[in-house]
Amino acid sequence: LSKSVVELSAAREQAAQSGAHLKYAELTGRIETMRTVISFVQQIAQANQPQADKSPPPEIERIVKDDDDQEEAS
């Protein structure tokens, strides 16, 4: 009888450990999934942002060029 109790105790301990490992694996998987989703959402948000054009509009370039030409002529 004592051998059966020891085996039962060992089986319970093993089941508890494997259950904990499964729970850890499940939580780890969920965390990785959330990281993937967050990264995807960030990429979409960045893609939808209007890109700032660093060059001035052509009208401003023309005005500045005309001003420079007038200064040189003076």
PDB file of N, CA and C in Angstrom:
ATOM      1  N   LEU A   1       0.828  -1.197   0.000  1.00  0.00           N
ATOM      2  CA  LEU A   1       0.000   0.000   0.000  1.00  0.00           C
ATOM      3  C   LEU A   1       0.873   1.262   0.000  1.00  0.00           C
ATOM      4  N   SER A   2       1.961   1.242   0.772  1.00  0.00           N
ATOM      5  CA  SER A   2       2.811   2.431   0.833  1.00  0.00           C
ATOM      6  C   SER A   2       3.465   2.704  -0.521  1.00  0.00           C
ATOM      7  N   LYS A   3       3.760   1.633  -1.270  1.00  0.00           N
ATOM      8  CA  LYS A   3       4.341   1.818  -2.597  1.00  0.00           C
ATOM      9  C   LYS A   3       3.330   2.532  -3.504  1.00  0.00           C
ATOM     10  N   SER A   4       2.078   2.171  -3.421  1.00  0.00           N
ATOM     11  CA  SER A   4       1.037   2.808  -4.233  1.00  0.00           C
ATOM     12  C   SER A   4       0.873   4.274  -3.857  1.00  0.00           C
ATOM     13  N   VAL A   5       0.960   4.577  -2.562  1.00  0.00           N
ATOM     14  CA  VAL A   5       0.840   5.955  -2.097  1.00  0.00           C
ATOM     15  C   VAL A   5       2.007   6.784  -2.633  1.00  0.00           C
ATOM     16  N   VAL A   6       3.204   6.233  -2.609  1.00  0.00           N
ATOM     17  CA  VAL A   6       4.381   6.935  -3.116  1.00  0.00           C
ATOM     18  C   VAL A   6       4.234   7.169  -4.618  1.00  0.00           C
ATOM     19  N   GLU A   7       3.785   6.128  -5.333  1.00  0.00           N
ATOM     20  CA  GLU A   7       3.601   6.273  -6.778  1.00  0.00           C
ATOM     21  C   GLU A   7       2.528   7.317  -7.092  1.00  0.00           C
ATOM     22  N   LEU A   8       1.442   7.295  -6.316  1.00  0.00           N
ATOM     23  CA  LEU A   8       0.377   8.266  -6.512  1.00  0.00           C
ATOM     24  C   LEU A   8       0.883   9.680  -6.236  1.00  0.00           C
ATOM     25  N   SER A   9       1.670   9.821  -5.186  1.00  0.00           N
ATOM     26  CA  SER A   9       2.230  11.127  -4.843  1.00  0.00           C
ATOM     27  C   SER A   9       3.154  11.625  -5.955  1.00  0.00           C
ATOM     28  N   ALA A  10       3.993  10.724  -6.457  1.00  0.00           N
ATOM     29  CA  ALA A  10       4.907  11.089  -7.543  1.00  0.00           C
ATOM     30  C   ALA A  10       4.122  11.455  -8.801  1.00  0.00           C
ATOM     31  N   ALA A  11       3.067  10.706  -9.081  1.00  0.00           N
ATOM     32  CA  ALA A  11       2.250  10.989 -10.263  1.00  0.00           C
ATOM     33  C   ALA A  11       1.561  12.344 -10.127  1.00  0.00           C
ATOM     34  N   ARG A  12       1.077  12.650  -8.934  1.00  0.00           N
ATOM     35  CA  ARG A  12       0.431  13.950  -8.705  1.00  0.00           C
ATOM     36  C   ARG A  12       1.435  15.086  -8.884  1.00  0.00           C
ATOM     37  N   GLU A  13       2.634  14.893  -8.339  1.00  0.00           N
ATOM     38  CA  GLU A  13       3.666  15.927  -8.463  1.00  0.00           C
ATOM     39  C   GLU A  13       4.039  16.145  -9.924  1.00  0.00           C
ATOM     40  N   GLN A  14       4.188  15.041 -10.649  1.00  0.00           N
ATOM     41  CA  GLN A  14       4.534  15.143 -12.067  1.00  0.00           C
ATOM     42  C   GLN A  14       3.413  15.839 -12.850  1.00  0.00           C
ATOM     43  N   ALA A  15       2.177  15.511 -12.539  1.00  0.00           N
ATOM     44  CA  ALA A  15       1.044  16.142 -13.222  1.00  0.00           C
ATOM     45  C   ALA A  15       0.996  17.633 -12.915  1.00  0.00           C
ATOM     46  N   ALA A  16       1.283  17.993 -11.672  1.00  0.00           N
ATOM     47  CA  ALA A  16       1.277  19.409 -11.290  1.00  0.00           C
ATOM     48  C   ALA A  16       2.371  20.161 -12.036  1.00  0.00           C
ATOM     49  N   GLN A  17       3.547  19.540 -12.138  1.00  0.00           N
ATOM     50  CA  GLN A  17       4.650  20.195 -12.845  1.00  0.00           C
ATOM     51  C   GLN A  17       4.358  20.332 -14.334  1.00  0.00           C
ATOM     52  N   SER A  18       3.833  19.271 -14.930  1.00  0.00           N
ATOM     53  CA  SER A  18       3.547  19.359 -16.363  1.00  0.00           C
ATOM     54  C   SER A  18       2.416  20.353 -16.611  1.00  0.00           C
ATOM     55  N   GLY A  19       1.472  20.440 -15.684  1.00  0.00           N
ATOM     56  CA  GLY A  19       0.409  21.442 -15.802  1.00  0.00           C
ATOM     57  C   GLY A  19       0.979  22.844 -15.726  1.00  0.00           C
ATOM     58  N   ALA A  20       1.939  23.040 -14.826  1.00  0.00           N
ATOM     59  CA  ALA A  20       2.582  24.352 -14.703  1.00  0.00           C
ATOM     60  C   ALA A  20       3.366  24.677 -15.971  1.00  0.00           C
ATOM     61  N   HIS A  21       4.039  23.676 -16.526  1.00  0.00           N
ATOM     62  CA  HIS A  21       4.790  23.901 -17.766  1.00  0.00           C
ATOM     63  C   HIS A  21       3.843  24.258 -18.914  1.00  0.00           C
ATOM     64  N   LEU A  22       2.708  23.560 -18.956  1.00  0.00           N
ATOM     65  CA  LEU A  22       1.735  23.863 -20.006  1.00  0.00           C
ATOM     66  C   LEU A  22       1.181  25.271 -19.846  1.00  0.00           C
ATOM     67  N   LYS A  23       0.902  25.661 -18.607  1.00  0.00           N
ATOM     68  CA  LYS A  23       0.376  27.003 -18.354  1.00  0.00           C
ATOM     69  C   LYS A  23       1.425  28.051 -18.736  1.00  0.00           C
ATOM     70  N   TYR A  24       2.684  27.799 -18.386  1.00  0.00           N
ATOM     71  CA  TYR A  24       3.768  28.718 -18.739  1.00  0.00           C
ATOM     72  C   TYR A  24       3.881  28.836 -20.261  1.00  0.00           C
ATOM     73  N   ALA A  25       3.826  27.701 -20.942  1.00  0.00           N
ATOM     74  CA  ALA A  25       3.922  27.713 -22.403  1.00  0.00           C
ATOM     75  C   ALA A  25       2.742  28.467 -23.011  1.00  0.00           C
ATOM     76  N   GLU A  26       1.561  28.276 -22.442  1.00  0.00           N
ATOM     77  CA  GLU A  26       0.380  28.978 -22.943  1.00  0.00           C
ATOM     78  C   GLU A  26       0.527  30.486 -22.760  1.00  0.00           C
ATOM     79  N   LEU A  27       0.970  30.902 -21.578  1.00  0.00           N
ATOM     80  CA  LEU A  27       1.138  32.332 -21.314  1.00  0.00           C
ATOM     81  C   LEU A  27       2.234  32.928 -22.188  1.00  0.00           C
ATOM     82  N   THR A  28       3.317  32.189 -22.362  1.00  0.00           N
ATOM     83  CA  THR A  28       4.404  32.660 -23.219  1.00  0.00           C
ATOM     84  C   THR A  28       3.910  32.829 -24.652  1.00  0.00           C
ATOM     85  N   GLY A  29       3.127  31.869 -25.108  1.00  0.00           N
ATOM     86  CA  GLY A  29       2.557  31.967 -26.454  1.00  0.00           C
ATOM     87  C   GLY A  29       1.650  33.171 -26.594  1.00  0.00           C
ATOM     88  N   ARG A  30       0.858  33.428 -25.571  1.00  0.00           N
ATOM     89  CA  ARG A  30      -0.037  34.590 -25.612  1.00  0.00           C
ATOM     90  C   ARG A  30       0.759  35.888 -25.654  1.00  0.00           C
ATOM     91  N   ILE A  31       1.835  35.957 -24.876  1.00  0.00           N
ATOM     92  CA  ILE A  31       2.670  37.165 -24.862  1.00  0.00           C
ATOM     93  C   ILE A  31       3.281  37.392 -26.245  1.00  0.00           C
ATOM     94  N   GLU A  32       3.795  36.328 -26.857  1.00  0.00           N
ATOM     95  CA  GLU A  32       4.382  36.458 -28.191  1.00  0.00           C
ATOM     96  C   GLU A  32       3.331  36.889 -29.208  1.00  0.00           C
ATOM     97  N   THR A  33       2.130  36.350 -29.076  1.00  0.00           N
ATOM     98  CA  THR A  33       1.045  36.743 -29.982  1.00  0.00           C
ATOM     99  C   THR A  33       0.729  38.221 -29.820  1.00  0.00           C
ATOM    100  N   MET A  34       0.661  38.690 -28.577  1.00  0.00           N
ATOM    101  CA  MET A  34       0.365  40.103 -28.339  1.00  0.00           C
ATOM    102  C   MET A  34       1.483  40.994 -28.885  1.00  0.00           C
ATOM    103  N   ARG A  35       2.727  40.570 -28.740  1.00  0.00           N
ATOM    104  CA  ARG A  35       3.841  41.350 -29.300  1.00  0.00           C
ATOM    105  C   ARG A  35       3.717  41.458 -30.813  1.00  0.00           C
ATOM    106  N   THR A  36       3.344  40.353 -31.446  1.00  0.00           N
ATOM    107  CA  THR A  36       3.171  40.352 -32.895  1.00  0.00           C
ATOM    108  C   THR A  36       2.049  41.294 -33.305  1.00  0.00           C
ATOM    109  N   VAL A  37       0.937  41.238 -32.577  1.00  0.00           N
ATOM    110  CA  VAL A  37      -0.208  42.100 -32.890  1.00  0.00           C
ATOM    111  C   VAL A  37       0.165  43.567 -32.702  1.00  0.00           C
ATOM    112  N   ILE A  38       0.850  43.885 -31.609  1.00  0.00           N
ATOM    113  CA  ILE A  38       1.253  45.269 -31.339  1.00  0.00           C
ATOM    114  C   ILE A  38       2.196  45.766 -32.434  1.00  0.00           C
ATOM    115  N   SER A  39       3.152  44.937 -32.821  1.00  0.00           N
ATOM    116  CA  SER A  39       4.086  45.317 -33.881  1.00  0.00           C
ATOM    117  C   SER A  39       3.339  45.573 -35.190  1.00  0.00           C
ATOM    118  N   PHE A  40       2.382  44.717 -35.501  1.00  0.00           N
ATOM    119  CA  PHE A  40       1.591  44.872 -36.720  1.00  0.00           C
ATOM    120  C   PHE A  40       0.808  46.180 -36.698  1.00  0.00           C
ATOM    121  N   VAL A  41       0.179  46.474 -35.567  1.00  0.00           N
ATOM    122  CA  VAL A  41      -0.607  47.707 -35.439  1.00  0.00           C
ATOM    123  C   VAL A  41       0.300  48.932 -35.562  1.00  0.00           C
ATOM    124  N   GLN A  42       1.489  48.872 -34.964  1.00  0.00           N
ATOM    125  CA  GLN A  42       2.426  49.991 -35.066  1.00  0.00           C
ATOM    126  C   GLN A  42       2.857  50.216 -36.512  1.00  0.00           C
ATOM    127  N   GLN A  43       3.102  49.128 -37.238  1.00  0.00           N
ATOM    128  CA  GLN A  43       3.506  49.262 -38.636  1.00  0.00           C
ATOM    129  C   GLN A  43       2.396  49.884 -39.472  1.00  0.00           C
ATOM    130  N   ILE A  44       1.163  49.486 -39.210  1.00  0.00           N
ATOM    131  CA  ILE A  44       0.029  50.062 -39.940  1.00  0.00           C
ATOM    132  C   ILE A  44      -0.105  51.546 -39.612  1.00  0.00           C
ATOM    133  N   ALA A  45       0.047  51.888 -38.325  1.00  0.00           N
ATOM    134  CA  ALA A  45      -0.075  53.291 -37.918  1.00  0.00           C
ATOM    135  C   ALA A  45       1.008  54.135 -38.589  1.00  0.00           C
ATOM    136  N   GLN A  46       2.219  53.616 -38.650  1.00  0.00           N
ATOM    137  CA  GLN A  46       3.308  54.361 -39.291  1.00  0.00           C
ATOM    138  C   GLN A  46       3.074  54.495 -40.790  1.00  0.00           C
ATOM    139  N   ALA A  47       2.536  53.453 -41.398  1.00  0.00           N
ATOM    140  CA  ALA A  47       2.288  53.494 -42.837  1.00  0.00           C
ATOM    141  C   ALA A  47       1.181  54.489 -43.177  1.00  0.00           C
ATOM    142  N   ASN A  48       0.249  54.693 -42.262  1.00  0.00           N
ATOM    143  CA  ASN A  48      -0.874  55.593 -42.520  1.00  0.00           C
ATOM    144  C   ASN A  48      -0.575  57.044 -42.179  1.00  0.00           C
ATOM    145  N   GLN A  49       0.571  57.307 -41.549  1.00  0.00           N
ATOM    146  CA  GLN A  49       0.930  58.686 -41.234  1.00  0.00           C
ATOM    147  C   GLN A  49       1.398  59.375 -42.508  1.00  0.00           C
ATOM    148  N   PRO A  50       0.975  60.621 -42.717  1.00  0.00           N
ATOM    149  CA  PRO A  50       1.465  61.336 -43.898  1.00  0.00           C
ATOM    150  C   PRO A  50       2.962  61.588 -43.754  1.00  0.00           C
ATOM    151  N   GLN A  51       3.670  61.354 -44.819  1.00  0.00           N
ATOM    152  CA  GLN A  51       5.116  61.550 -44.791  1.00  0.00           C
ATOM    153  C   GLN A  51       5.422  63.019 -45.042  1.00  0.00           C
ATOM    154  N   ALA A  52       6.235  63.588 -44.170  1.00  0.00           N
ATOM    155  CA  ALA A  52       6.613  64.999 -44.308  1.00  0.00           C
ATOM    156  C   ALA A  52       7.635  65.119 -45.436  1.00  0.00           C
ATOM    157  N   ASP A  53       7.332  65.965 -46.381  1.00  0.00           N
ATOM    158  CA  ASP A  53       8.256  66.215 -47.482  1.00  0.00           C
ATOM    159  C   ASP A  53       9.219  67.311 -47.037  1.00  0.00           C
ATOM    160  N   LYS A  54      10.492  67.023 -47.079  1.00  0.00           N
ATOM    161  CA  LYS A  54      11.494  67.968 -46.567  1.00  0.00           C
ATOM    162  C   LYS A  54      11.773  69.109 -47.537  1.00  0.00           C
ATOM    163  N   SER A  55      11.492  68.930 -48.811  1.00  0.00           N
ATOM    164  CA  SER A  55      11.789  70.004 -49.761  1.00  0.00           C
ATOM    165  C   SER A  55      10.674  71.043 -49.733  1.00  0.00           C
ATOM    166  N   PRO A  56      11.036  72.318 -49.879  1.00  0.00           N
ATOM    167  CA  PRO A  56      10.006  73.370 -49.865  1.00  0.00           C
ATOM    168  C   PRO A  56       9.149  73.285 -51.125  1.00  0.00           C
ATOM    169  N   PRO A  57       7.944  73.784 -51.052  1.00  0.00           N
ATOM    170  CA  PRO A  57       7.085  73.786 -52.246  1.00  0.00           C
ATOM    171  C   PRO A  57       7.739  74.568 -53.376  1.00  0.00           C
ATOM    172  N   PRO A  58       7.435  74.244 -54.626  1.00  0.00           N
ATOM    173  CA  PRO A  58       8.085  74.926 -55.762  1.00  0.00           C
ATOM    174  C   PRO A  58       7.867  76.434 -55.764  1.00  0.00           C
ATOM    175  N   GLU A  59       6.720  76.904 -55.282  1.00  0.00           N
ATOM    176  CA  GLU A  59       6.470  78.349 -55.270  1.00  0.00           C
ATOM    177  C   GLU A  59       7.490  79.067 -54.394  1.00  0.00           C
ATOM    178  N   ILE A  60       7.786  78.494 -53.251  1.00  0.00           N
ATOM    179  CA  ILE A  60       8.743  79.130 -52.338  1.00  0.00           C
ATOM    180  C   ILE A  60      10.135  79.130 -52.954  1.00  0.00           C
ATOM    181  N   GLU A  61      10.517  78.036 -53.599  1.00  0.00           N
ATOM    182  CA  GLU A  61      11.827  77.986 -54.242  1.00  0.00           C
ATOM    183  C   GLU A  61      11.933  79.076 -55.312  1.00  0.00           C
ATOM    184  N   ARG A  62      10.867  79.262 -56.087  1.00  0.00           N
ATOM    185  CA  ARG A  62      10.868  80.273 -57.147  1.00  0.00           C
ATOM    186  C   ARG A  62      10.994  81.674 -56.557  1.00  0.00           C
ATOM    187  N   ILE A  63      10.271  81.948 -55.473  1.00  0.00           N
ATOM    188  CA  ILE A  63      10.310  83.271 -54.837  1.00  0.00           C
ATOM    189  C   ILE A  63      11.707  83.557 -54.303  1.00  0.00           C
ATOM    190  N   VAL A  64      12.296  82.580 -53.634  1.00  0.00           N
ATOM    191  CA  VAL A  64      13.640  82.762 -53.079  1.00  0.00           C
ATOM    192  C   VAL A  64      14.638  82.980 -54.206  1.00  0.00           C
ATOM    193  N   LYS A  65      14.515  82.223 -55.277  1.00  0.00           N
ATOM    194  CA  LYS A  65      15.427  82.375 -56.412  1.00  0.00           C
ATOM    195  C   LYS A  65      15.269  83.762 -57.041  1.00  0.00           C
ATOM    196  N   ASP A  66      14.030  84.228 -57.203  1.00  0.00           N
ATOM    197  CA  ASP A  66      13.787  85.563 -57.757  1.00  0.00           C
ATOM    198  C   ASP A  66      14.394  86.643 -56.867  1.00  0.00           C
ATOM    199  N   ASP A  67      14.263  86.494 -55.542  1.00  0.00           N
ATOM    200  CA  ASP A  67      14.852  87.468 -54.613  1.00  0.00           C
ATOM    201  C   ASP A  67      16.366  87.490 -54.747  1.00  0.00           C
ATOM    202  N   ASP A  68      16.979  86.317 -54.880  1.00  0.00           N
ATOM    203  CA  ASP A  68      18.431  86.253 -55.037  1.00  0.00           C
ATOM    204  C   ASP A  68      18.864  86.921 -56.341  1.00  0.00           C
ATOM    205  N   ASP A  69      18.111  86.700 -57.399  1.00  0.00           N
ATOM    206  CA  ASP A  69      18.442  87.312 -58.692  1.00  0.00           C
ATOM    207  C   ASP A  69      18.344  88.836 -58.615  1.00  0.00           C
ATOM    208  N   GLN A  70      17.347  89.346 -57.908  1.00  0.00           N
ATOM    209  CA  GLN A  70      17.171  90.794 -57.779  1.00  0.00           C
ATOM    210  C   GLN A  70      18.312  91.403 -56.976  1.00  0.00           C
ATOM    211  N   GLU A  71      18.780  90.692 -55.940  1.00  0.00           N
ATOM    212  CA  GLU A  71      19.885  91.214 -55.131  1.00  0.00           C
ATOM    213  C   GLU A  71      21.166  91.263 -55.955  1.00  0.00           C
ATOM    214  N   GLU A  72      21.379  90.252 -56.795  1.00  0.00           N
ATOM    215  CA  GLU A  72      22.578  90.233 -57.622  1.00  0.00           C
ATOM    216  C   GLU A  72      22.535  91.350 -58.670  1.00  0.00           C
ATOM    217  N   ALA A  73      21.357  91.680 -59.163  1.00  0.00           N
ATOM    218  CA  ALA A  73      21.215  92.723 -60.179  1.00  0.00           C
ATOM    219  C   ALA A  73      21.446  94.113 -59.591  1.00  0.00           C
ATOM    220  N   SER A  74      21.259  94.280 -58.302  1.00  0.00           N
ATOM    221  CA  SER A  74      21.396  95.604 -57.681  1.00  0.00           C
ATOM    222  C   SER A  74      22.820  96.023 -57.520  1.00  0.00           C
TER     223      SER A  74
END
